[in-house]
C-alpha atoms as a PDB file:
ATOM      1  CA  MET A   1     -12.633   5.209  19.687  1.00  0.00           C
ATOM      2  CA  ALA A   2     -10.501   2.193  20.380  1.00  0.00           C
ATOM      3  CA  SER A   3      -7.122   2.966  21.926  1.00  0.00           C
ATOM      4  CA  SER A   4      -5.373  -0.086  20.438  1.00  0.00           C
ATOM      5  CA  PRO A   5      -5.351  -1.513  16.907  1.00  0.00           C
ATOM      6  CA  ASP A   6      -7.631  -4.457  17.830  1.00  0.00           C
ATOM      7  CA  LEU A   7      -7.097  -6.277  14.536  1.00  0.00           C
ATOM      8  CA  SER A   8      -7.515  -9.826  15.778  1.00  0.00           C
ATOM      9  CA  ASP A   9      -9.252 -11.881  13.086  1.00  0.00           C
ATOM     10  CA  ARG A  10      -9.605  -8.922  10.714  1.00  0.00           C
ATOM     11  CA  ALA A  11      -9.091  -9.956   7.075  1.00  0.00           C
ATOM     12  CA  VAL A  12      -6.364  -7.814   5.515  1.00  0.00           C
ATOM     13  CA  LEU A  13      -5.279  -7.750   1.867  1.00  0.00           C
ATOM     14  CA  VAL A  14      -1.836  -6.220   1.276  1.00  0.00           C
ATOM     15  CA  THR A  15      -1.015  -5.979  -2.417  1.00  0.00           C
ATOM     16  CA  GLY A  16       2.605  -6.250  -3.471  1.00  0.00           C
ATOM     17  CA  SER A  17       3.707  -7.864  -0.234  1.00  0.00           C
ATOM     18  CA  SER A  18       6.469 -10.236  -1.368  1.00  0.00           C
ATOM     19  CA  SER A  19       9.141  -7.724  -0.274  1.00  0.00           C
ATOM     20  CA  GLY A  20       9.802  -4.156   0.829  1.00  0.00           C
ATOM     21  CA  ILE A  21       7.159  -1.958   2.442  1.00  0.00           C
ATOM     22  CA  GLY A  22       4.432  -4.469   1.584  1.00  0.00           C
ATOM     23  CA  ARG A  23       6.198  -7.296   3.393  1.00  0.00           C
ATOM     24  CA  THR A  24       6.905  -5.178   6.476  1.00  0.00           C
ATOM     25  CA  THR A  25       3.305  -3.988   6.537  1.00  0.00           C
ATOM     26  CA  ALA A  26       1.927  -7.523   6.283  1.00  0.00           C
ATOM     27  CA  VAL A  27       4.117  -8.658   9.189  1.00  0.00           C
ATOM     28  CA  ALA A  28       3.040  -5.640  11.246  1.00  0.00           C
ATOM     29  CA  PHE A  29      -0.596  -6.658  10.753  1.00  0.00           C
ATOM     30  CA  GLY A  30       0.395 -10.194  11.750  1.00  0.00           C
ATOM     31  CA  ARG A  31       1.715  -8.893  15.068  1.00  0.00           C
ATOM     32  CA  GLU A  32      -1.818  -7.650  15.740  1.00  0.00           C
ATOM     33  CA  GLN A  33      -3.199 -11.164  15.094  1.00  0.00           C
ATOM     34  CA  ALA A  34      -4.774 -10.184  11.784  1.00  0.00           C
ATOM     35  CA  ARG A  35      -5.397 -12.605   8.934  1.00  0.00           C
ATOM     36  CA  VAL A  36      -3.303 -11.373   6.038  1.00  0.00           C
ATOM     37  CA  ALA A  37      -3.539 -12.162   2.331  1.00  0.00           C
ATOM     38  CA  ILE A  38      -0.091 -11.847   0.752  1.00  0.00           C
ATOM     39  CA  THR A  39       0.022 -11.066  -2.958  1.00  0.00           C
ATOM     40  CA  TYR A  40       2.705 -11.366  -5.591  1.00  0.00           C
ATOM     41  CA  ARG A  41       2.957 -10.933  -9.346  1.00  0.00           C
ATOM     42  CA  SER A  42       6.127 -12.945 -10.060  1.00  0.00           C
ATOM     43  CA  ASN A  43       7.963 -13.424  -6.740  1.00  0.00           C
ATOM     44  CA  GLU A  44       6.012 -16.351  -5.319  1.00  0.00           C
ATOM     45  CA  LYS A  45       8.949 -17.427  -3.153  1.00  0.00           C
ATOM     46  CA  GLY A  46       9.155 -13.980  -1.570  1.00  0.00           C
ATOM     47  CA  ALA A  47       5.425 -14.011  -0.908  1.00  0.00           C
ATOM     48  CA  ALA A  48       5.698 -17.404   0.803  1.00  0.00           C
ATOM     49  CA  GLU A  49       8.486 -16.036   2.997  1.00  0.00           C
ATOM     50  CA  THR A  50       6.288 -13.081   3.937  1.00  0.00           C
ATOM     51  CA  ALA A  51       3.457 -15.434   4.860  1.00  0.00           C
ATOM     52  CA  ASP A  52       5.801 -17.403   7.101  1.00  0.00           C
ATOM     53  CA  ARG A  53       6.866 -14.205   8.849  1.00  0.00           C
ATOM     54  CA  VAL A  54       3.241 -13.178   9.367  1.00  0.00           C
ATOM     55  CA  ARG A  55       2.521 -16.510  11.031  1.00  0.00           C
ATOM     56  CA  GLU A  56       5.646 -16.246  13.170  1.00  0.00           C
ATOM     57  CA  ALA A  57       4.450 -12.802  14.278  1.00  0.00           C
ATOM     58  CA  GLY A  58       1.141 -14.246  15.482  1.00  0.00           C
ATOM     59  CA  GLY A  59      -1.212 -13.817  12.541  1.00  0.00           C
ATOM     60  CA  ASP A  60      -2.669 -16.082   9.885  1.00  0.00           C
ATOM     61  CA  ALA A  61      -1.694 -15.804   6.229  1.00  0.00           C
ATOM     62  CA  PHE A  62      -2.114 -17.203   2.767  1.00  0.00           C
ATOM     63  CA  VAL A  63      -0.607 -16.348  -0.607  1.00  0.00           C
ATOM     64  CA  VAL A  64      -2.483 -15.372  -3.768  1.00  0.00           C
ATOM     65  CA  ARG A  65      -1.262 -14.143  -7.139  1.00  0.00           C
ATOM     66  CA  TYR A  66      -2.274 -10.602  -8.081  1.00  0.00           C
ATOM     67  CA  ASP A  67      -1.467  -8.600 -11.206  1.00  0.00           C
ATOM     68  CA  MET A  68      -2.846  -5.081 -10.946  1.00  0.00           C
ATOM     69  CA  THR A  69      -2.768  -4.680 -14.740  1.00  0.00           C
ATOM     70  CA  ASP A  70      -5.101  -7.668 -15.226  1.00  0.00           C
ATOM     71  CA  ARG A  71      -8.733  -7.194 -14.230  1.00  0.00           C
ATOM     72  CA  ASP A  72      -9.360 -10.936 -14.008  1.00  0.00           C
ATOM     73  CA  SER A  73      -6.356 -11.355 -11.689  1.00  0.00           C
ATOM     74  CA  ILE A  74      -7.600  -8.538  -9.454  1.00  0.00           C
ATOM     75  CA  ASP A  75     -11.084 -10.007  -9.175  1.00  0.00           C
ATOM     76  CA  ALA A  76      -9.695 -13.497  -8.557  1.00  0.00           C
ATOM     77  CA  ALA A  77      -7.370 -12.308  -5.785  1.00  0.00           C
ATOM     78  CA  VAL A  78     -10.046 -10.338  -3.951  1.00  0.00           C
ATOM     79  CA  GLY A  79     -12.494 -13.188  -4.478  1.00  0.00           C
ATOM     80  CA  ALA A  80     -10.008 -15.643  -2.965  1.00  0.00           C
ATOM     81  CA  VAL A  81      -9.787 -13.568   0.206  1.00  0.00           C
ATOM     82  CA  ILE A  82     -13.571 -13.353   0.501  1.00  0.00           C
ATOM     83  CA  ASP A  83     -13.952 -17.085  -0.182  1.00  0.00           C
ATOM     84  CA  ARG A  84     -11.401 -17.903   2.520  1.00  0.00           C
ATOM     85  CA  TRP A  85     -12.335 -15.415   5.228  1.00  0.00           C
ATOM     86  CA  GLY A  86     -15.782 -14.150   4.273  1.00  0.00           C
ATOM     87  CA  THR A  87     -14.801 -10.518   3.745  1.00  0.00           C
ATOM     88  CA  VAL A  88     -12.039  -7.997   3.212  1.00  0.00           C
ATOM     89  CA  ASP A  89     -11.869  -5.708   6.228  1.00  0.00           C
ATOM     90  CA  VAL A  90      -8.684  -3.834   5.299  1.00  0.00           C
ATOM     91  CA  LEU A  91      -7.230  -3.182   1.854  1.00  0.00           C
ATOM     92  CA  VAL A  92      -3.676  -1.874   1.543  1.00  0.00           C
ATOM     93  CA  ASN A  93      -2.895  -0.723  -2.000  1.00  0.00           C
ATOM     94  CA  ASN A  94       0.871  -1.090  -2.219  1.00  0.00           C
ATOM     95  CA  ALA A  95       1.622  -2.920  -5.482  1.00  0.00           C
ATOM     96  CA  LEU A  96       3.129  -1.351  -8.597  1.00  0.00           C
ATOM     97  CA  PRO A  97       3.091  -2.609 -12.191  1.00  0.00           C
ATOM     98  CA  SER A  98       6.296  -4.148 -13.492  1.00  0.00           C
ATOM     99  CA  GLY A  99       8.844  -1.832 -15.037  1.00  0.00           C
ATOM    100  CA  VAL A 100       7.936   1.298 -13.077  1.00  0.00           C
ATOM    101  CA  GLY A 101      11.062   3.282 -12.355  1.00  0.00           C
ATOM    102  CA  PRO A 102      12.909   6.538 -13.014  1.00  0.00           C
ATOM    103  CA  THR A 103      13.015   7.697 -16.627  1.00  0.00           C
ATOM    104  CA  PRO A 104      14.018  11.228 -17.686  1.00  0.00           C
ATOM    105  CA  TRP A 105      11.178  13.112 -19.379  1.00  0.00           C
ATOM    106  CA  ALA A 106      12.862  13.211 -22.780  1.00  0.00           C
ATOM    107  CA  GLU A 107      13.529   9.473 -22.672  1.00  0.00           C
ATOM    108  CA  LEU A 108       9.998   8.236 -21.953  1.00  0.00           C
ATOM    109  CA  ALA A 109       9.333   5.534 -24.524  1.00  0.00           C
ATOM    110  CA  ASP A 110       6.085   5.372 -26.463  1.00  0.00           C
ATOM    111  CA  GLY A 111       3.489   3.791 -24.229  1.00  0.00           C
ATOM    112  CA  GLU A 112       5.499   4.101 -21.014  1.00  0.00           C
ATOM    113  CA  TRP A 113       3.442   7.019 -19.750  1.00  0.00           C
ATOM    114  CA  GLU A 114       0.172   5.213 -20.397  1.00  0.00           C
ATOM    115  CA  ARG A 115       1.470   1.934 -18.995  1.00  0.00           C
ATOM    116  CA  THR A 116       2.513   3.546 -15.712  1.00  0.00           C
ATOM    117  CA  VAL A 117      -0.367   5.967 -15.201  1.00  0.00           C
ATOM    118  CA  HIS A 118      -3.101   3.556 -16.233  1.00  0.00           C
ATOM    119  CA  GLY A 119      -1.402   0.572 -14.624  1.00  0.00           C
ATOM    120  CA  VAL A 120      -1.282   2.242 -11.223  1.00  0.00           C
ATOM    121  CA  GLN A 121      -4.561   4.132 -11.274  1.00  0.00           C
ATOM    122  CA  ASP A 122      -6.710   1.524 -13.015  1.00  0.00           C
ATOM    123  CA  GLY A 123      -5.246  -1.237 -10.878  1.00  0.00           C
ATOM    124  CA  VAL A 124      -6.048   0.495  -7.599  1.00  0.00           C
ATOM    125  CA  PHE A 125      -9.489   1.552  -8.844  1.00  0.00           C
ATOM    126  CA  HIS A 126     -10.496  -1.983  -9.800  1.00  0.00           C
ATOM    127  CA  THR A 127      -9.036  -3.474  -6.610  1.00  0.00           C
ATOM    128  CA  VAL A 128     -11.033  -1.082  -4.455  1.00  0.00           C
ATOM    129  CA  ARG A 129     -14.095  -1.705  -6.570  1.00  0.00           C
ATOM    130  CA  ALA A 130     -13.788  -5.441  -5.962  1.00  0.00           C
ATOM    131  CA  ALA A 131     -13.193  -5.142  -2.213  1.00  0.00           C
ATOM    132  CA  ILE A 132     -15.429  -2.337  -1.061  1.00  0.00           C
ATOM    133  CA  PRO A 133     -18.853  -4.040  -1.374  1.00  0.00           C
ATOM    134  CA  ALA A 134     -17.891  -6.478   1.406  1.00  0.00           C
ATOM    135  CA  MET A 135     -16.793  -3.560   3.613  1.00  0.00           C
ATOM    136  CA  ARG A 136     -20.038  -1.682   3.023  1.00  0.00           C
ATOM    137  CA  GLU A 137     -22.074  -4.796   3.780  1.00  0.00           C
ATOM    138  CA  ALA A 138     -20.197  -5.234   7.064  1.00  0.00           C
ATOM    139  CA  GLY A 139     -20.511  -1.548   7.929  1.00  0.00           C
ATOM    140  CA  TRP A 140     -16.776  -1.345   8.591  1.00  0.00           C
ATOM    141  CA  GLY A 141     -13.687  -1.139   6.412  1.00  0.00           C
ATOM    142  CA  ARG A 142     -10.367   0.569   5.899  1.00  0.00           C
ATOM    143  CA  VAL A 143      -8.621   1.422   2.619  1.00  0.00           C
ATOM    144  CA  VAL A 144      -5.009   2.571   2.891  1.00  0.00           C
ATOM    145  CA  THR A 145      -3.160   3.507  -0.290  1.00  0.00           C
ATOM    146  CA  ILE A 146       0.614   3.890  -0.447  1.00  0.00           C
ATOM    147  CA  SER A 147       1.646   6.931  -2.453  1.00  0.00           C
ATOM    148  CA  SER A 148       4.927   8.833  -2.671  1.00  0.00           C
ATOM    149  CA  LEU A 149       6.270  12.266  -1.823  1.00  0.00           C
ATOM    150  CA  SER A 150       6.836  12.573  -5.584  1.00  0.00           C
ATOM    151  CA  ALA A 151       3.076  12.947  -6.012  1.00  0.00           C
ATOM    152  CA  GLU A 152       3.196  16.375  -4.381  1.00  0.00           C
ATOM    153  CA  ASP A 153       6.809  17.530  -4.634  1.00  0.00           C
ATOM    154  CA  GLY A 154       7.833  15.934  -7.920  1.00  0.00           C
ATOM    155  CA  THR A 155      11.050  14.032  -8.515  1.00  0.00           C
ATOM    156  CA  ALA A 156      13.286  14.319 -11.568  1.00  0.00           C
ATOM    157  CA  GLY A 157      12.836  11.361 -13.856  1.00  0.00           C
ATOM    158  CA  MET A 158       9.561  10.272 -12.244  1.00  0.00           C
ATOM    159  CA  ALA A 159       6.948  12.119 -14.310  1.00  0.00           C
ATOM    160  CA  ALA A 160       4.652   9.181 -15.015  1.00  0.00           C
ATOM    161  CA  TYR A 161       5.042   7.734 -11.532  1.00  0.00           C
ATOM    162  CA  ALA A 162       4.349  11.087  -9.839  1.00  0.00           C
ATOM    163  CA  VAL A 163       1.212  11.677 -11.893  1.00  0.00           C
ATOM    164  CA  ALA A 164       0.014   8.114 -11.323  1.00  0.00           C
ATOM    165  CA  LYS A 165       0.376   8.456  -7.562  1.00  0.00           C
ATOM    166  CA  ALA A 166      -1.149  11.938  -7.455  1.00  0.00           C
ATOM    167  CA  GLY A 167      -4.274  10.564  -9.085  1.00  0.00           C
ATOM    168  CA  LEU A 168      -4.667   8.152  -6.172  1.00  0.00           C
ATOM    169  CA  HIS A 169      -4.961  11.124  -3.819  1.00  0.00           C
ATOM    170  CA  GLY A 170      -8.000  12.311  -5.744  1.00  0.00           C
ATOM    171  CA  LEU A 171      -9.478   8.815  -5.816  1.00  0.00           C
ATOM    172  CA  THR A 172      -9.038   8.502  -2.060  1.00  0.00           C
ATOM    173  CA  GLY A 173     -10.870  11.770  -1.493  1.00  0.00           C
ATOM    174  CA  VAL A 174     -13.810  10.433  -3.487  1.00  0.00           C
ATOM    175  CA  LEU A 175     -13.817   7.138  -1.567  1.00  0.00           C
ATOM    176  CA  ALA A 176     -13.760   9.023   1.725  1.00  0.00           C
ATOM    177  CA  ASP A 177     -16.688  11.187   0.681  1.00  0.00           C
ATOM    178  CA  GLU A 178     -18.817   8.432  -0.813  1.00  0.00           C
ATOM    179  CA  PHE A 179     -18.251   5.608   1.662  1.00  0.00           C
ATOM    180  CA  GLY A 180     -17.408   7.261   4.974  1.00  0.00           C
ATOM    181  CA  GLU A 181     -21.026   7.082   6.079  1.00  0.00           C
ATOM    182  CA  ASP A 182     -20.867   3.307   5.529  1.00  0.00           C
ATOM    183  CA  GLY A 183     -18.058   3.000   8.081  1.00  0.00           C
ATOM    184  CA  VAL A 184     -15.362   2.718   5.403  1.00  0.00           C
ATOM    185  CA  LEU A 185     -12.439   5.077   5.991  1.00  0.00           C
ATOM    186  CA  SER A 186      -9.956   5.717   3.181  1.00  0.00           C
ATOM    187  CA  ASN A 187      -6.559   7.379   3.509  1.00  0.00           C
ATOM    188  CA  VAL A 188      -3.204   7.826   1.779  1.00  0.00           C
ATOM    189  CA  VAL A 189       0.218   7.200   3.322  1.00  0.00           C
ATOM    190  CA  MET A 190       2.878   9.207   1.461  1.00  0.00           C
ATOM    191  CA  PRO A 191       6.454   8.066   2.130  1.00  0.00           C
ATOM    192  CA  GLY A 192       9.577   9.870   1.056  1.00  0.00           C
ATOM    193  CA  MET A 193      12.691   7.788   0.571  1.00  0.00           C
ATOM    194  CA  VAL A 194      12.444   4.547   2.557  1.00  0.00           C
ATOM    195  CA  LEU A 195      15.282   2.167   3.425  1.00  0.00           C
ATOM    196  CA  THR A 196      13.859  -0.832   1.589  1.00  0.00           C
ATOM    197  CA  GLU A 197      16.084  -3.632   0.326  1.00  0.00           C
ATOM    198  CA  LYS A 198      16.337  -1.886  -3.045  1.00  0.00           C
ATOM    199  CA  ASN A 199      17.233   1.512  -1.585  1.00  0.00           C
ATOM    200  CA  MET A 200      19.778  -0.048   0.752  1.00  0.00           C
ATOM    201  CA  GLU A 201      21.746  -0.963  -2.376  1.00  0.00           C
ATOM    202  CA  ARG A 202      22.199   2.711  -3.270  1.00  0.00           C
ATOM    203  CA  PRO A 203      25.561   4.349  -2.439  1.00  0.00           C
ATOM    204  CA  GLU A 204      26.051   5.452   1.156  1.00  0.00           C
ATOM    205  CA  GLU A 205      26.649   9.032   0.022  1.00  0.00           C
ATOM    206  CA  VAL A 206      23.097   9.085  -1.359  1.00  0.00           C
ATOM    207  CA  HIS A 207      21.734   8.028   2.029  1.00  0.00           C
ATOM    208  CA  GLU A 208      23.834  10.650   3.778  1.00  0.00           C
ATOM    209  CA  ALA A 209      22.693  13.403   1.430  1.00  0.00           C
ATOM    210  CA  VAL A 210      19.011  12.553   1.923  1.00  0.00           C
ATOM    211  CA  ALA A 211      19.407  12.333   5.700  1.00  0.00           C
ATOM    212  CA  GLU A 212      21.115  15.740   5.757  1.00  0.00           C
ATOM    213  CA  ARG A 213      18.156  17.305   3.922  1.00  0.00           C
ATOM    214  CA  THR A 214      15.632  15.651   6.234  1.00  0.00           C
ATOM    215  CA  PRO A 215      14.577  17.693   9.283  1.00  0.00           C
ATOM    216  CA  SER A 216      14.413  14.572  11.471  1.00  0.00           C
ATOM    217  CA  GLY A 217      17.988  13.728  10.477  1.00  0.00           C
ATOM    218  CA  ARG A 218      17.268  10.232   9.188  1.00  0.00           C
ATOM    219  CA  ILE A 219      15.641   8.323   6.360  1.00  0.00           C
ATOM    220  CA  SER A 220      12.387   6.512   7.066  1.00  0.00           C
ATOM    221  CA  THR A 221      12.383   2.743   7.530  1.00  0.00           C
ATOM    222  CA  PRO A 222       9.742   0.324   6.241  1.00  0.00           C
ATOM    223  CA  GLU A 223       8.616  -0.032   9.873  1.00  0.00           C
ATOM    224  CA  ASP A 224       7.878   3.709  10.039  1.00  0.00           C
ATOM    225  CA  VAL A 225       5.498   3.323   7.118  1.00  0.00           C
ATOM    226  CA  ALA A 226       4.001   0.029   8.282  1.00  0.00           C
ATOM    227  CA  ASN A 227       3.180   1.319  11.765  1.00  0.00           C
ATOM    228  CA  LEU A 228       1.120   4.154  10.304  1.00  0.00           C
ATOM    229  CA  VAL A 229      -0.636   1.846   7.849  1.00  0.00           C
ATOM    230  CA  VAL A 230      -1.614  -0.515  10.664  1.00  0.00           C
ATOM    231  CA  PHE A 231      -2.998   2.363  12.720  1.00  0.00           C
ATOM    232  CA  LEU A 232      -5.044   3.726   9.818  1.00  0.00           C
ATOM    233  CA  GLY A 233      -6.293   0.217   9.024  1.00  0.00           C
ATOM    234  CA  SER A 234      -7.467  -0.497  12.539  1.00  0.00           C
ATOM    235  CA  GLU A 235     -10.148   0.243  15.136  1.00  0.00           C
ATOM    236  CA  ALA A 236      -7.746   2.788  16.646  1.00  0.00           C
ATOM    237  CA  ASN A 237      -8.461   4.966  13.630  1.00  0.00           C
ATOM    238  CA  GLY A 238     -11.899   6.133  14.571  1.00  0.00           C
ATOM    239  CA  ASN A 239     -12.423   9.034  12.177  1.00  0.00           C
ATOM    240  CA  ILE A 240      -9.360   9.825  10.038  1.00  0.00           C
ATOM    241  CA  ASN A 241     -10.792   9.833   6.532  1.00  0.00           C
ATOM    242  CA  GLY A 242      -9.588  11.334   3.272  1.00  0.00           C
ATOM    243  CA  ALA A 243      -6.179  12.286   4.655  1.00  0.00           C
ATOM    244  CA  VAL A 244      -2.813  12.279   2.917  1.00  0.00           C
ATOM    245  CA  ILE A 245      -0.199  11.665   5.600  1.00  0.00           C
ATOM    246  CA  PRO A 246       3.526  11.970   4.849  1.00  0.00           C
ATOM    247  CA  VAL A 247       6.155   9.683   6.333  1.00  0.00           C
ATOM    248  CA  SER A 248       9.222  11.649   5.351  1.00  0.00           C
ATOM    249  CA  GLY A 249      10.845  13.068   8.481  1.00  0.00           C
ATOM    250  CA  GLY A 250       9.514  16.533   7.670  1.00  0.00           C
ATOM    251  CA  MET A 251      10.631  16.885   4.057  1.00  0.00           C
END
């Protein structure tokens, strides 16, 4: 087993990488000299900024539009990576459909449940389906899916989101079982609250309350998540397959 990530020239696709955890993860792959495809649905400017940061970190990058609720967009994005770099070595499923957010159970609008659950689960399924043949042909690949602590512990107001993410745990177990022998390892990273740009806008008392409940005494940063994703997506991960790994400080 390799003792370092050894990602030089690996082709990495990070969905939803125009900001937040996706951006930090893309840059972390760039520091390992990977070639990183940056995707966006509507924030093209943010995606371009991420690509610049990847290049500054030492990697290569290009930007491609990706809408996980549109099968043609998924196939086109994965196809663009393969056309440019010949393969997809690492797939990081990080994107979410638009409009996903907290909604109390009694206030879920007609169609919101279906839109969230199917948007997340179908989008990841079809993205993996598009990318995994190239990994199997190469005899090496890594699939890392970003979930949420809500998938196991539940969070008030996040019924559809929690169920959508929990389904990805089951999908990952199937991928691990079916494609592990082909050299394709699939895992889930399960963050709790993370200090992304959006969460940094929440009141300080919210941060303090979460930190007080966290055994490690602090809230995770995007870098905490990205470092684990890079490890799981690299040569250093020799045989971790089908795991669900929390990044939550012990919560």
